[in-house]
């Protein structure tokens, strides 16, 4: 059952905490690391817009549509970025993972893989979802490749899907993981997380650098 409630998702090196006011100073530092809001194919908030970013997340949560997280380093408690469940459809047991961004210094590391694993595990094993969707800009080849490396399957193109901040009308590529795939996908992600943890090496299958929002 998809019960949308604030919950902390914990992994060995990454913790996803429900986004709150106390995360905003750290989130400001994260987006200033790489000036993420300046990337054209992104909706990362500007530093002065973080209050509105939180307000919008809270309103979407209250409506049962979204659940936003701060992505936190489990060892240092440093905020590294944000991600969320979007377009939550309890009746159809379907959800999207998106609005993901990370500080430049945390990109191409273990962080995104572990965060995505925690969210996929929650979607399939707690919410019993049938389907998890991930979308990205058609122009973003590195992001598309990285999503595929998570084990998601490309399904097609959503034409004229979103209007970007600069007015560009983007096409979005749709990917998904479905419940029947999760045992295999989850096992592969766990193996990758364990390998990078034991070797102390970065996971170069992370999403693109600089990080785009999906």
N, C-alpha and C. Protein backbone atom coordinates (compact mmCIF):
# COMPACT_ATOMS: atom_id res chain seq x y z
N UNK A 1 0.84 -1.20 0.00
CA UNK A 1 0.00 0.00 0.00
C UNK A 1 0.87 1.24 0.00
N UNK A 2 0.57 2.17 -0.90
CA UNK A 2 1.33 3.42 -0.97
C UNK A 2 0.78 4.39 0.07
N UNK A 3 1.47 4.44 1.20
CA UNK A 3 1.09 5.36 2.26
C UNK A 3 2.15 6.45 2.32
N UNK A 4 1.78 7.65 1.89
CA UNK A 4 2.74 8.74 1.77
C UNK A 4 2.91 9.39 3.15
N UNK A 5 4.03 9.09 3.78
CA UNK A 5 4.33 9.68 5.08
C UNK A 5 5.83 9.92 5.17
N UNK A 6 6.19 10.90 5.98
CA UNK A 6 7.59 11.28 6.09
C UNK A 6 8.36 10.18 6.82
N UNK A 7 9.43 9.74 6.18
CA UNK A 7 10.22 8.65 6.72
C UNK A 7 11.68 8.88 6.32
N UNK A 8 12.60 8.48 7.18
CA UNK A 8 14.02 8.56 6.87
C UNK A 8 14.48 7.23 6.29
N UNK A 9 15.19 7.29 5.17
CA UNK A 9 15.72 6.10 4.51
C UNK A 9 17.22 6.08 4.72
N UNK A 10 17.73 5.01 5.32
CA UNK A 10 19.14 4.97 5.73
C UNK A 10 19.91 3.87 5.02
N UNK A 11 21.08 4.25 4.53
CA UNK A 11 22.02 3.31 3.96
C UNK A 11 23.34 3.40 4.69
N UNK A 12 24.34 2.64 4.26
CA UNK A 12 25.62 2.65 4.96
C UNK A 12 26.34 3.99 4.91
N UNK A 13 26.19 4.74 3.79
CA UNK A 13 26.91 6.00 3.65
C UNK A 13 26.03 7.19 3.32
N UNK A 14 24.78 6.93 3.03
CA UNK A 14 23.84 7.99 2.64
C UNK A 14 22.56 7.85 3.45
N UNK A 15 22.03 8.99 3.86
CA UNK A 15 20.76 9.01 4.57
C UNK A 15 19.84 10.02 3.87
N UNK A 16 18.63 9.60 3.61
CA UNK A 16 17.62 10.48 3.03
C UNK A 16 16.65 10.89 4.13
N UNK A 17 16.68 12.17 4.47
CA UNK A 17 15.84 12.71 5.53
C UNK A 17 14.74 13.56 4.92
N UNK A 18 13.51 13.49 5.45
CA UNK A 18 12.45 14.35 4.94
C UNK A 18 12.91 15.82 4.96
N UNK A 19 12.80 16.48 3.83
CA UNK A 19 13.29 17.84 3.69
C UNK A 19 12.57 18.77 4.68
N UNK A 20 13.36 19.57 5.40
CA UNK A 20 12.78 20.48 6.39
C UNK A 20 13.58 21.77 6.43
N UNK A 21 13.10 22.71 7.23
CA UNK A 21 13.74 24.02 7.33
C UNK A 21 15.19 23.90 7.78
N UNK A 22 15.48 22.95 8.64
CA UNK A 22 16.84 22.85 9.18
C UNK A 22 17.85 22.42 8.12
N UNK A 23 17.37 21.88 6.99
CA UNK A 23 18.28 21.46 5.93
C UNK A 23 18.69 22.60 5.00
N UNK A 24 17.98 23.72 5.05
CA UNK A 24 18.18 24.75 4.03
C UNK A 24 19.58 25.36 4.02
N UNK A 25 20.20 25.64 5.19
CA UNK A 25 21.58 26.15 5.11
C UNK A 25 22.53 25.19 4.41
N UNK A 26 22.43 23.90 4.73
CA UNK A 26 23.28 22.92 4.08
C UNK A 26 22.94 22.76 2.61
N UNK A 27 21.65 22.88 2.28
CA UNK A 27 21.25 22.77 0.88
C UNK A 27 21.77 23.96 0.08
N UNK A 28 21.80 25.13 0.70
CA UNK A 28 22.38 26.30 0.05
C UNK A 28 23.85 26.04 -0.29
N UNK A 29 24.59 25.50 0.67
CA UNK A 29 26.00 25.18 0.41
C UNK A 29 26.13 24.18 -0.73
N UNK A 30 25.23 23.20 -0.77
CA UNK A 30 25.30 22.16 -1.80
C UNK A 30 25.08 22.74 -3.19
N UNK A 31 24.08 23.60 -3.34
CA UNK A 31 23.81 24.12 -4.69
C UNK A 31 24.81 25.18 -5.10
N UNK A 32 25.45 25.83 -4.10
CA UNK A 32 26.51 26.78 -4.44
C UNK A 32 27.79 26.06 -4.86
N UNK A 33 27.92 24.79 -4.49
CA UNK A 33 29.04 23.95 -4.91
C UNK A 33 28.78 23.51 -6.35
N UNK A 34 29.23 24.33 -7.27
CA UNK A 34 28.98 24.07 -8.68
C UNK A 34 27.96 25.01 -9.30
N UNK A 35 27.38 25.91 -8.49
CA UNK A 35 26.36 26.85 -8.99
C UNK A 35 25.32 26.13 -9.82
N UNK A 36 24.69 25.16 -9.19
CA UNK A 36 23.82 24.23 -9.92
C UNK A 36 22.65 24.92 -10.60
N UNK A 37 22.17 26.02 -10.06
CA UNK A 37 21.01 26.70 -10.63
C UNK A 37 21.32 27.32 -11.99
N UNK A 38 22.60 27.45 -12.34
CA UNK A 38 22.98 28.06 -13.61
C UNK A 38 22.96 27.06 -14.77
N UNK A 39 22.81 25.78 -14.48
CA UNK A 39 22.79 24.77 -15.53
C UNK A 39 21.47 24.88 -16.30
N UNK A 40 21.50 25.07 -17.62
CA UNK A 40 20.27 25.35 -18.37
C UNK A 40 19.20 24.27 -18.25
N UNK A 41 19.61 22.99 -18.26
CA UNK A 41 18.61 21.91 -18.27
C UNK A 41 18.32 21.46 -16.83
N UNK A 42 17.96 22.40 -15.99
CA UNK A 42 17.73 22.08 -14.59
C UNK A 42 16.67 22.99 -14.00
N UNK A 43 16.06 22.51 -12.94
CA UNK A 43 15.14 23.33 -12.14
C UNK A 43 15.68 23.51 -10.73
N UNK A 44 16.98 23.38 -10.53
CA UNK A 44 17.56 23.58 -9.21
C UNK A 44 17.24 25.00 -8.75
N UNK A 45 16.74 25.18 -7.54
CA UNK A 45 16.39 26.53 -7.08
C UNK A 45 17.63 27.40 -6.89
N UNK A 46 17.45 28.68 -7.06
CA UNK A 46 18.50 29.63 -6.72
C UNK A 46 18.61 29.70 -5.20
N UNK A 47 19.78 30.11 -4.69
CA UNK A 47 19.92 30.17 -3.22
C UNK A 47 18.82 30.98 -2.54
N UNK A 48 18.44 32.10 -3.14
CA UNK A 48 17.40 32.94 -2.53
C UNK A 48 16.01 32.35 -2.67
N UNK A 49 15.88 31.27 -3.44
CA UNK A 49 14.58 30.66 -3.64
C UNK A 49 14.35 29.40 -2.84
N UNK A 50 15.25 29.10 -1.90
CA UNK A 50 15.12 27.84 -1.16
C UNK A 50 13.90 27.83 -0.25
N UNK A 51 13.51 28.97 0.28
CA UNK A 51 12.31 29.01 1.12
C UNK A 51 11.08 28.61 0.32
N UNK A 52 10.94 29.14 -0.87
CA UNK A 52 9.82 28.79 -1.74
C UNK A 52 9.91 27.33 -2.18
N UNK A 53 11.13 26.85 -2.40
CA UNK A 53 11.35 25.44 -2.76
C UNK A 53 10.79 24.53 -1.67
N UNK A 54 11.08 24.85 -0.41
CA UNK A 54 10.57 24.06 0.70
C UNK A 54 9.06 24.19 0.81
N UNK A 55 8.53 25.40 0.65
CA UNK A 55 7.08 25.60 0.72
C UNK A 55 6.36 24.77 -0.34
N UNK A 56 6.89 24.76 -1.55
CA UNK A 56 6.28 23.99 -2.63
C UNK A 56 6.32 22.49 -2.31
N UNK A 57 7.44 22.05 -1.73
CA UNK A 57 7.56 20.63 -1.37
C UNK A 57 6.55 20.26 -0.29
N UNK A 58 6.37 21.14 0.68
CA UNK A 58 5.42 20.87 1.75
C UNK A 58 3.99 20.84 1.22
N UNK A 59 3.67 21.74 0.31
CA UNK A 59 2.32 21.77 -0.26
C UNK A 59 2.05 20.50 -1.06
N UNK A 60 3.05 20.05 -1.83
CA UNK A 60 2.88 18.83 -2.62
C UNK A 60 2.76 17.61 -1.71
N UNK A 61 3.49 17.60 -0.59
CA UNK A 61 3.37 16.51 0.37
C UNK A 61 1.97 16.50 0.99
N UNK A 62 1.50 17.66 1.38
CA UNK A 62 0.16 17.76 2.00
C UNK A 62 -0.92 17.25 1.05
N UNK A 63 -0.70 17.44 -0.23
CA UNK A 63 -1.66 16.97 -1.23
C UNK A 63 -1.47 15.50 -1.58
N UNK A 64 -0.44 14.87 -1.00
CA UNK A 64 -0.18 13.46 -1.26
C UNK A 64 0.47 13.18 -2.59
N UNK A 65 1.06 14.23 -3.22
CA UNK A 65 1.63 14.06 -4.56
C UNK A 65 3.13 13.81 -4.54
N UNK A 66 3.82 14.33 -3.50
CA UNK A 66 5.28 14.26 -3.50
C UNK A 66 5.81 14.03 -2.09
N UNK A 67 7.05 13.53 -2.03
CA UNK A 67 7.76 13.37 -0.76
C UNK A 67 9.21 13.71 -1.02
N UNK A 68 9.65 14.86 -0.50
CA UNK A 68 10.98 15.38 -0.77
C UNK A 68 11.95 15.03 0.35
N UNK A 69 13.20 14.79 -0.03
CA UNK A 69 14.25 14.43 0.91
C UNK A 69 15.45 15.37 0.77
N UNK A 70 16.16 15.52 1.87
CA UNK A 70 17.53 16.02 1.83
C UNK A 70 18.45 14.82 1.76
N UNK A 71 19.41 14.86 0.85
CA UNK A 71 20.40 13.80 0.72
C UNK A 71 21.57 14.15 1.63
N UNK A 72 21.84 13.29 2.61
CA UNK A 72 22.79 13.61 3.68
C UNK A 72 23.89 12.56 3.74
N UNK A 73 25.13 13.01 3.93
CA UNK A 73 26.23 12.08 4.18
C UNK A 73 26.05 11.49 5.58
N UNK A 74 25.96 10.17 5.67
CA UNK A 74 25.64 9.53 6.94
C UNK A 74 26.74 9.68 7.98
N UNK A 75 27.96 9.91 7.54
CA UNK A 75 29.08 9.99 8.48
C UNK A 75 29.30 11.41 8.99
N UNK A 76 29.19 12.39 8.10
CA UNK A 76 29.46 13.78 8.50
C UNK A 76 28.21 14.59 8.77
N UNK A 77 27.04 14.07 8.38
CA UNK A 77 25.76 14.79 8.47
C UNK A 77 25.70 16.00 7.54
N UNK A 78 26.56 16.07 6.57
CA UNK A 78 26.55 17.20 5.63
C UNK A 78 25.46 16.97 4.58
N UNK A 79 24.70 18.01 4.30
CA UNK A 79 23.68 17.95 3.26
C UNK A 79 24.38 18.02 1.90
N UNK A 80 24.08 17.05 1.04
CA UNK A 80 24.73 16.93 -0.26
C UNK A 80 23.83 17.32 -1.41
N UNK A 81 22.52 17.39 -1.16
CA UNK A 81 21.59 17.71 -2.22
C UNK A 81 20.18 17.34 -1.83
N UNK A 82 19.36 17.09 -2.83
CA UNK A 82 17.95 16.76 -2.58
C UNK A 82 17.44 15.85 -3.69
N UNK A 83 16.40 15.10 -3.37
CA UNK A 83 15.71 14.24 -4.32
C UNK A 83 14.30 14.03 -3.81
N UNK A 84 13.44 13.44 -4.62
CA UNK A 84 12.07 13.24 -4.14
C UNK A 84 11.31 12.19 -4.94
N UNK A 85 10.26 11.67 -4.30
CA UNK A 85 9.22 10.93 -4.99
C UNK A 85 8.24 11.95 -5.54
N UNK A 86 7.85 11.79 -6.80
CA UNK A 86 6.93 12.70 -7.46
C UNK A 86 5.80 11.91 -8.11
N UNK A 87 4.75 12.64 -8.48
CA UNK A 87 3.66 12.04 -9.26
C UNK A 87 3.21 10.73 -8.64
N UNK A 88 3.00 10.76 -7.32
CA UNK A 88 2.62 9.55 -6.59
C UNK A 88 1.17 9.19 -6.93
N UNK A 89 0.95 7.97 -7.38
CA UNK A 89 -0.38 7.48 -7.76
C UNK A 89 -0.70 6.23 -6.95
N UNK A 90 -1.27 6.41 -5.74
CA UNK A 90 -1.54 5.24 -4.89
C UNK A 90 -2.45 4.21 -5.54
N UNK A 91 -3.46 4.66 -6.28
CA UNK A 91 -4.41 3.72 -6.86
C UNK A 91 -3.72 2.76 -7.82
N UNK A 92 -2.77 3.29 -8.58
CA UNK A 92 -2.09 2.48 -9.57
C UNK A 92 -0.74 1.97 -9.08
N UNK A 93 -0.39 2.32 -7.84
CA UNK A 93 0.88 1.92 -7.23
C UNK A 93 2.05 2.27 -8.16
N UNK A 94 2.06 3.57 -8.52
CA UNK A 94 3.06 4.09 -9.44
C UNK A 94 3.65 5.37 -8.85
N UNK A 95 4.95 5.57 -9.07
CA UNK A 95 5.62 6.75 -8.55
C UNK A 95 6.79 7.11 -9.46
N UNK A 96 7.15 8.37 -9.44
CA UNK A 96 8.34 8.83 -10.17
C UNK A 96 9.41 9.25 -9.17
N UNK A 97 10.66 8.98 -9.48
CA UNK A 97 11.80 9.52 -8.73
C UNK A 97 12.39 10.63 -9.57
N UNK A 98 12.53 11.82 -8.98
CA UNK A 98 13.06 12.92 -9.76
C UNK A 98 13.43 14.11 -8.90
N UNK A 99 13.59 15.26 -9.57
CA UNK A 99 14.02 16.51 -8.94
C UNK A 99 15.26 16.25 -8.08
N UNK A 100 16.21 15.52 -8.68
CA UNK A 100 17.43 15.12 -7.99
C UNK A 100 18.57 16.04 -8.36
N UNK A 101 19.25 16.58 -7.36
CA UNK A 101 20.48 17.33 -7.62
C UNK A 101 21.45 17.13 -6.48
N UNK A 102 22.74 17.20 -6.83
CA UNK A 102 23.82 16.97 -5.87
C UNK A 102 24.89 18.03 -6.03
N UNK A 103 25.53 18.39 -4.92
CA UNK A 103 26.70 19.26 -4.96
C UNK A 103 27.72 18.70 -5.94
N UNK A 104 28.44 19.60 -6.62
CA UNK A 104 29.41 19.16 -7.62
C UNK A 104 30.42 18.19 -7.03
N UNK A 105 30.84 18.41 -5.78
CA UNK A 105 31.84 17.55 -5.16
C UNK A 105 31.31 16.16 -4.83
N UNK A 106 30.00 15.97 -4.88
CA UNK A 106 29.41 14.66 -4.59
C UNK A 106 28.99 13.92 -5.85
N UNK A 107 29.15 14.55 -7.00
CA UNK A 107 28.79 13.91 -8.25
C UNK A 107 29.85 12.89 -8.64
N UNK A 108 29.42 11.87 -9.37
CA UNK A 108 30.30 10.77 -9.80
C UNK A 108 30.95 10.09 -8.60
N UNK A 109 30.17 9.94 -7.55
CA UNK A 109 30.58 9.19 -6.36
C UNK A 109 29.51 8.14 -6.10
N UNK A 110 29.60 7.52 -4.92
CA UNK A 110 28.61 6.51 -4.53
C UNK A 110 27.24 7.10 -4.20
N UNK A 111 27.17 8.42 -4.01
CA UNK A 111 26.00 9.02 -3.35
C UNK A 111 24.71 8.77 -4.11
N UNK A 112 24.70 9.05 -5.40
CA UNK A 112 23.44 8.94 -6.13
C UNK A 112 22.98 7.50 -6.27
N UNK A 113 23.91 6.58 -6.50
CA UNK A 113 23.53 5.16 -6.61
C UNK A 113 22.89 4.68 -5.32
N UNK A 114 23.49 5.04 -4.19
CA UNK A 114 22.94 4.58 -2.91
C UNK A 114 21.59 5.23 -2.64
N UNK A 115 21.46 6.52 -2.96
CA UNK A 115 20.18 7.20 -2.76
C UNK A 115 19.08 6.59 -3.62
N UNK A 116 19.42 6.32 -4.90
CA UNK A 116 18.43 5.72 -5.78
C UNK A 116 18.04 4.33 -5.28
N UNK A 117 19.01 3.57 -4.80
CA UNK A 117 18.70 2.24 -4.26
C UNK A 117 17.73 2.35 -3.09
N UNK A 118 17.98 3.27 -2.17
CA UNK A 118 17.11 3.43 -1.01
C UNK A 118 15.68 3.78 -1.43
N UNK A 119 15.56 4.62 -2.43
CA UNK A 119 14.22 5.03 -2.89
C UNK A 119 13.52 3.90 -3.63
N UNK A 120 14.25 3.21 -4.49
CA UNK A 120 13.64 2.08 -5.19
C UNK A 120 13.22 0.99 -4.20
N UNK A 121 14.06 0.71 -3.22
CA UNK A 121 13.71 -0.29 -2.21
C UNK A 121 12.44 0.11 -1.46
N UNK A 122 12.34 1.38 -1.09
CA UNK A 122 11.14 1.84 -0.37
C UNK A 122 9.91 1.71 -1.27
N UNK A 123 10.07 2.09 -2.54
CA UNK A 123 8.92 2.03 -3.45
C UNK A 123 8.43 0.60 -3.65
N UNK A 124 9.35 -0.33 -3.84
CA UNK A 124 8.93 -1.70 -4.15
C UNK A 124 8.67 -2.55 -2.92
N UNK A 125 9.46 -2.35 -1.86
CA UNK A 125 9.35 -3.26 -0.71
C UNK A 125 8.46 -2.72 0.41
N UNK A 126 8.30 -1.41 0.51
CA UNK A 126 7.41 -0.83 1.52
C UNK A 126 6.07 -0.44 0.91
N UNK A 127 6.12 0.26 -0.20
CA UNK A 127 4.89 0.70 -0.84
C UNK A 127 4.29 -0.35 -1.78
N UNK A 128 5.04 -1.38 -2.10
CA UNK A 128 4.59 -2.42 -3.03
C UNK A 128 4.18 -1.84 -4.38
N UNK A 129 4.98 -0.92 -4.88
CA UNK A 129 4.68 -0.30 -6.16
C UNK A 129 4.79 -1.31 -7.30
N UNK A 130 3.99 -1.07 -8.33
CA UNK A 130 4.10 -1.83 -9.56
C UNK A 130 5.18 -1.28 -10.46
N UNK A 131 5.47 0.05 -10.28
CA UNK A 131 6.28 0.74 -11.29
C UNK A 131 6.91 1.98 -10.69
N UNK A 132 8.16 2.21 -11.02
CA UNK A 132 8.86 3.46 -10.68
C UNK A 132 9.38 4.06 -11.97
N UNK A 133 9.10 5.34 -12.16
CA UNK A 133 9.50 6.04 -13.38
C UNK A 133 10.64 7.01 -13.10
N UNK A 134 11.49 7.20 -14.09
CA UNK A 134 12.56 8.20 -14.07
C UNK A 134 12.55 8.89 -15.42
N UNK A 135 12.58 10.22 -15.42
CA UNK A 135 12.57 10.98 -16.65
C UNK A 135 13.80 11.87 -16.72
N UNK A 136 14.26 12.13 -17.94
CA UNK A 136 15.37 13.06 -18.11
C UNK A 136 15.25 13.75 -19.46
N UNK A 137 15.98 14.84 -19.60
CA UNK A 137 16.00 15.63 -20.82
C UNK A 137 16.57 14.80 -21.97
N UNK A 138 15.91 14.82 -23.10
CA UNK A 138 16.37 14.08 -24.27
C UNK A 138 17.81 14.45 -24.64
N UNK A 139 18.19 15.71 -24.39
CA UNK A 139 19.52 16.18 -24.78
C UNK A 139 20.63 15.68 -23.86
N UNK A 140 20.26 15.12 -22.73
CA UNK A 140 21.23 14.80 -21.70
C UNK A 140 21.70 13.34 -21.83
N UNK A 141 22.67 13.12 -22.71
CA UNK A 141 23.11 11.75 -23.01
C UNK A 141 23.71 11.06 -21.79
N UNK A 142 24.49 11.79 -21.00
CA UNK A 142 25.13 11.16 -19.84
C UNK A 142 24.10 10.71 -18.81
N UNK A 143 23.09 11.52 -18.60
CA UNK A 143 22.04 11.14 -17.66
C UNK A 143 21.28 9.92 -18.16
N UNK A 144 21.00 9.88 -19.45
CA UNK A 144 20.29 8.74 -20.01
C UNK A 144 21.08 7.45 -19.83
N UNK A 145 22.38 7.52 -20.07
CA UNK A 145 23.21 6.34 -19.90
C UNK A 145 23.27 5.89 -18.44
N UNK A 146 23.33 6.88 -17.54
CA UNK A 146 23.42 6.55 -16.12
C UNK A 146 22.13 5.91 -15.61
N UNK A 147 21.00 6.42 -16.06
CA UNK A 147 19.72 5.82 -15.65
C UNK A 147 19.64 4.37 -16.14
N UNK A 148 20.09 4.14 -17.35
CA UNK A 148 20.10 2.78 -17.87
C UNK A 148 21.00 1.88 -17.02
N UNK A 149 22.12 2.44 -16.55
CA UNK A 149 23.02 1.63 -15.73
C UNK A 149 22.41 1.29 -14.37
N UNK A 150 21.42 2.04 -13.94
CA UNK A 150 20.70 1.67 -12.72
C UNK A 150 19.87 0.41 -12.93
N UNK A 151 19.61 0.08 -14.18
CA UNK A 151 18.77 -1.07 -14.50
C UNK A 151 17.41 -0.69 -15.03
N UNK A 152 17.19 0.62 -15.23
CA UNK A 152 15.89 1.07 -15.75
C UNK A 152 15.82 0.86 -17.25
N UNK A 153 14.63 0.65 -17.74
CA UNK A 153 14.41 0.38 -19.16
C UNK A 153 13.83 1.62 -19.84
N UNK A 154 14.40 1.98 -21.00
CA UNK A 154 13.86 3.10 -21.76
C UNK A 154 12.55 2.71 -22.41
N UNK A 155 11.55 3.60 -22.31
CA UNK A 155 10.23 3.28 -22.84
C UNK A 155 9.79 4.18 -23.99
N UNK A 156 10.36 5.37 -24.10
CA UNK A 156 9.94 6.23 -25.19
C UNK A 156 10.14 7.70 -24.87
N UNK A 157 9.68 8.53 -25.80
CA UNK A 157 9.90 9.97 -25.73
C UNK A 157 8.57 10.68 -25.48
N UNK A 158 8.59 11.59 -24.50
CA UNK A 158 7.44 12.47 -24.25
C UNK A 158 7.74 13.79 -24.94
N UNK A 159 7.10 14.04 -26.06
CA UNK A 159 7.41 15.21 -26.87
C UNK A 159 6.82 16.48 -26.27
N UNK A 160 7.58 17.57 -26.37
CA UNK A 160 7.14 18.88 -25.86
C UNK A 160 6.60 18.74 -24.44
N UNK A 161 7.37 18.08 -23.60
CA UNK A 161 6.89 17.64 -22.29
C UNK A 161 7.01 18.70 -21.21
N UNK A 162 8.08 19.53 -21.26
CA UNK A 162 8.31 20.49 -20.19
C UNK A 162 8.85 21.79 -20.78
N UNK A 163 8.48 22.91 -20.15
CA UNK A 163 9.04 24.21 -20.51
C UNK A 163 10.12 24.54 -19.49
N UNK A 164 11.35 24.68 -19.97
CA UNK A 164 12.47 24.96 -19.08
C UNK A 164 12.49 26.43 -18.70
N UNK A 165 13.34 26.77 -17.72
CA UNK A 165 13.36 28.14 -17.22
C UNK A 165 13.76 29.15 -18.28
N UNK A 166 14.55 28.72 -19.27
CA UNK A 166 14.94 29.63 -20.34
C UNK A 166 13.94 29.65 -21.49
N UNK A 167 12.80 28.95 -21.31
CA UNK A 167 11.77 28.93 -22.33
C UNK A 167 11.87 27.77 -23.30
N UNK A 168 12.98 27.01 -23.24
CA UNK A 168 13.14 25.88 -24.14
C UNK A 168 12.08 24.82 -23.85
N UNK A 169 11.45 24.30 -24.89
CA UNK A 169 10.44 23.25 -24.74
C UNK A 169 11.13 21.91 -24.93
N UNK A 170 11.30 21.19 -23.84
CA UNK A 170 12.11 19.98 -23.88
C UNK A 170 11.27 18.74 -24.14
N UNK A 171 11.89 17.79 -24.80
CA UNK A 171 11.37 16.43 -24.86
C UNK A 171 11.99 15.65 -23.70
N UNK A 172 11.20 14.80 -23.07
CA UNK A 172 11.70 13.99 -21.96
C UNK A 172 11.70 12.52 -22.36
N UNK A 173 12.76 11.82 -21.95
CA UNK A 173 12.84 10.38 -22.17
C UNK A 173 12.35 9.68 -20.92
N UNK A 174 11.45 8.74 -21.11
CA UNK A 174 10.86 7.99 -20.00
C UNK A 174 11.57 6.66 -19.80
N UNK A 175 11.95 6.39 -18.54
CA UNK A 175 12.50 5.11 -18.14
C UNK A 175 11.67 4.56 -16.99
N UNK A 176 11.75 3.26 -16.78
CA UNK A 176 11.04 2.68 -15.65
C UNK A 176 11.74 1.43 -15.14
N UNK A 177 11.46 1.14 -13.89
CA UNK A 177 11.74 -0.17 -13.29
C UNK A 177 10.39 -0.68 -12.80
N UNK A 178 10.07 -1.93 -13.10
CA UNK A 178 8.81 -2.49 -12.67
C UNK A 178 9.07 -3.57 -11.62
N UNK A 179 8.01 -3.93 -10.92
CA UNK A 179 8.16 -4.82 -9.77
C UNK A 179 8.85 -6.14 -10.12
N UNK A 180 8.54 -6.69 -11.29
CA UNK A 180 9.13 -7.97 -11.67
C UNK A 180 10.65 -7.87 -11.84
N UNK A 181 11.15 -6.68 -12.15
CA UNK A 181 12.58 -6.47 -12.33
C UNK A 181 13.31 -6.22 -11.03
N UNK A 182 12.59 -5.78 -9.99
CA UNK A 182 13.25 -5.26 -8.81
C UNK A 182 14.23 -6.24 -8.16
N UNK A 183 13.91 -7.53 -8.00
CA UNK A 183 14.91 -8.41 -7.37
C UNK A 183 16.25 -8.37 -8.07
N UNK A 184 16.26 -8.41 -9.39
CA UNK A 184 17.52 -8.38 -10.14
C UNK A 184 18.18 -7.01 -10.06
N UNK A 185 17.39 -5.95 -10.25
CA UNK A 185 17.93 -4.59 -10.20
C UNK A 185 18.47 -4.28 -8.81
N UNK A 186 17.71 -4.65 -7.79
CA UNK A 186 18.14 -4.39 -6.42
C UNK A 186 19.43 -5.12 -6.07
N UNK A 187 19.55 -6.35 -6.49
CA UNK A 187 20.76 -7.12 -6.21
C UNK A 187 21.98 -6.49 -6.89
N UNK A 188 21.80 -6.03 -8.12
CA UNK A 188 22.92 -5.40 -8.83
C UNK A 188 23.34 -4.10 -8.16
N UNK A 189 22.38 -3.32 -7.70
CA UNK A 189 22.71 -2.07 -7.02
C UNK A 189 23.38 -2.33 -5.68
N UNK A 190 22.91 -3.33 -4.95
CA UNK A 190 23.56 -3.67 -3.67
C UNK A 190 25.01 -4.10 -3.90
N UNK A 191 25.24 -4.88 -4.93
CA UNK A 191 26.61 -5.32 -5.22
C UNK A 191 27.50 -4.13 -5.56
N UNK A 192 26.97 -3.19 -6.31
CA UNK A 192 27.74 -2.01 -6.68
C UNK A 192 28.06 -1.17 -5.44
N UNK A 193 27.08 -0.98 -4.57
CA UNK A 193 27.29 -0.20 -3.35
C UNK A 193 28.33 -0.87 -2.46
N UNK A 194 28.22 -2.19 -2.30
CA UNK A 194 29.17 -2.92 -1.46
C UNK A 194 30.58 -2.87 -2.04
N UNK A 195 30.68 -2.95 -3.36
CA UNK A 195 32.01 -2.93 -3.99
C UNK A 195 32.69 -1.59 -3.79
N UNK A 196 31.96 -0.51 -4.00
CA UNK A 196 32.57 0.81 -3.84
C UNK A 196 32.88 1.09 -2.38
N UNK A 197 32.06 0.57 -1.47
CA UNK A 197 32.32 0.79 -0.04
C UNK A 197 33.59 0.06 0.40
N UNK A 198 33.77 -1.17 -0.08
CA UNK A 198 34.92 -1.96 0.35
C UNK A 198 36.22 -1.46 -0.26
N UNK A 199 36.12 -0.92 -1.49
CA UNK A 199 37.31 -0.45 -2.17
C UNK A 199 37.63 1.01 -1.88
N UNK A 200 36.62 1.72 -1.35
CA UNK A 200 36.80 3.14 -1.09
C UNK A 200 36.99 3.95 -2.35
N UNK A 201 36.39 3.48 -3.46
CA UNK A 201 36.53 4.15 -4.75
C UNK A 201 35.22 4.77 -5.17
N UNK A 202 35.26 5.82 -6.01
CA UNK A 202 34.02 6.43 -6.47
C UNK A 202 33.29 5.51 -7.43
N UNK A 203 31.99 5.70 -7.51
CA UNK A 203 31.16 4.95 -8.44
C UNK A 203 30.99 5.80 -9.68
N UNK A 204 31.70 5.48 -10.76
CA UNK A 204 31.67 6.33 -11.94
C UNK A 204 30.42 6.14 -12.77
N UNK A 205 29.48 5.33 -12.31
CA UNK A 205 28.22 5.19 -13.02
C UNK A 205 27.19 6.20 -12.54
N UNK A 206 27.60 7.13 -11.69
CA UNK A 206 26.67 8.13 -11.21
C UNK A 206 26.15 8.98 -12.35
N UNK A 207 25.08 9.69 -12.07
CA UNK A 207 24.53 10.59 -13.06
C UNK A 207 25.54 11.66 -13.40
N UNK A 208 25.25 12.35 -14.46
CA UNK A 208 26.16 13.22 -15.15
C UNK A 208 26.83 14.27 -14.27
N UNK A 209 27.94 14.76 -14.73
CA UNK A 209 28.60 15.88 -14.09
C UNK A 209 28.68 17.00 -15.13
N UNK A 210 28.08 18.16 -14.85
CA UNK A 210 27.36 18.50 -13.64
C UNK A 210 26.00 17.82 -13.56
N UNK A 211 25.51 17.70 -12.33
CA UNK A 211 24.26 17.00 -12.09
C UNK A 211 23.08 17.77 -12.65
N UNK A 212 22.26 17.08 -13.43
CA UNK A 212 21.00 17.66 -13.93
C UNK A 212 19.84 17.14 -13.12
N UNK A 213 18.77 17.91 -13.14
CA UNK A 213 17.54 17.43 -12.52
C UNK A 213 16.79 16.58 -13.51
N UNK A 214 16.26 15.46 -13.06
CA UNK A 214 15.48 14.57 -13.93
C UNK A 214 14.01 14.89 -13.79
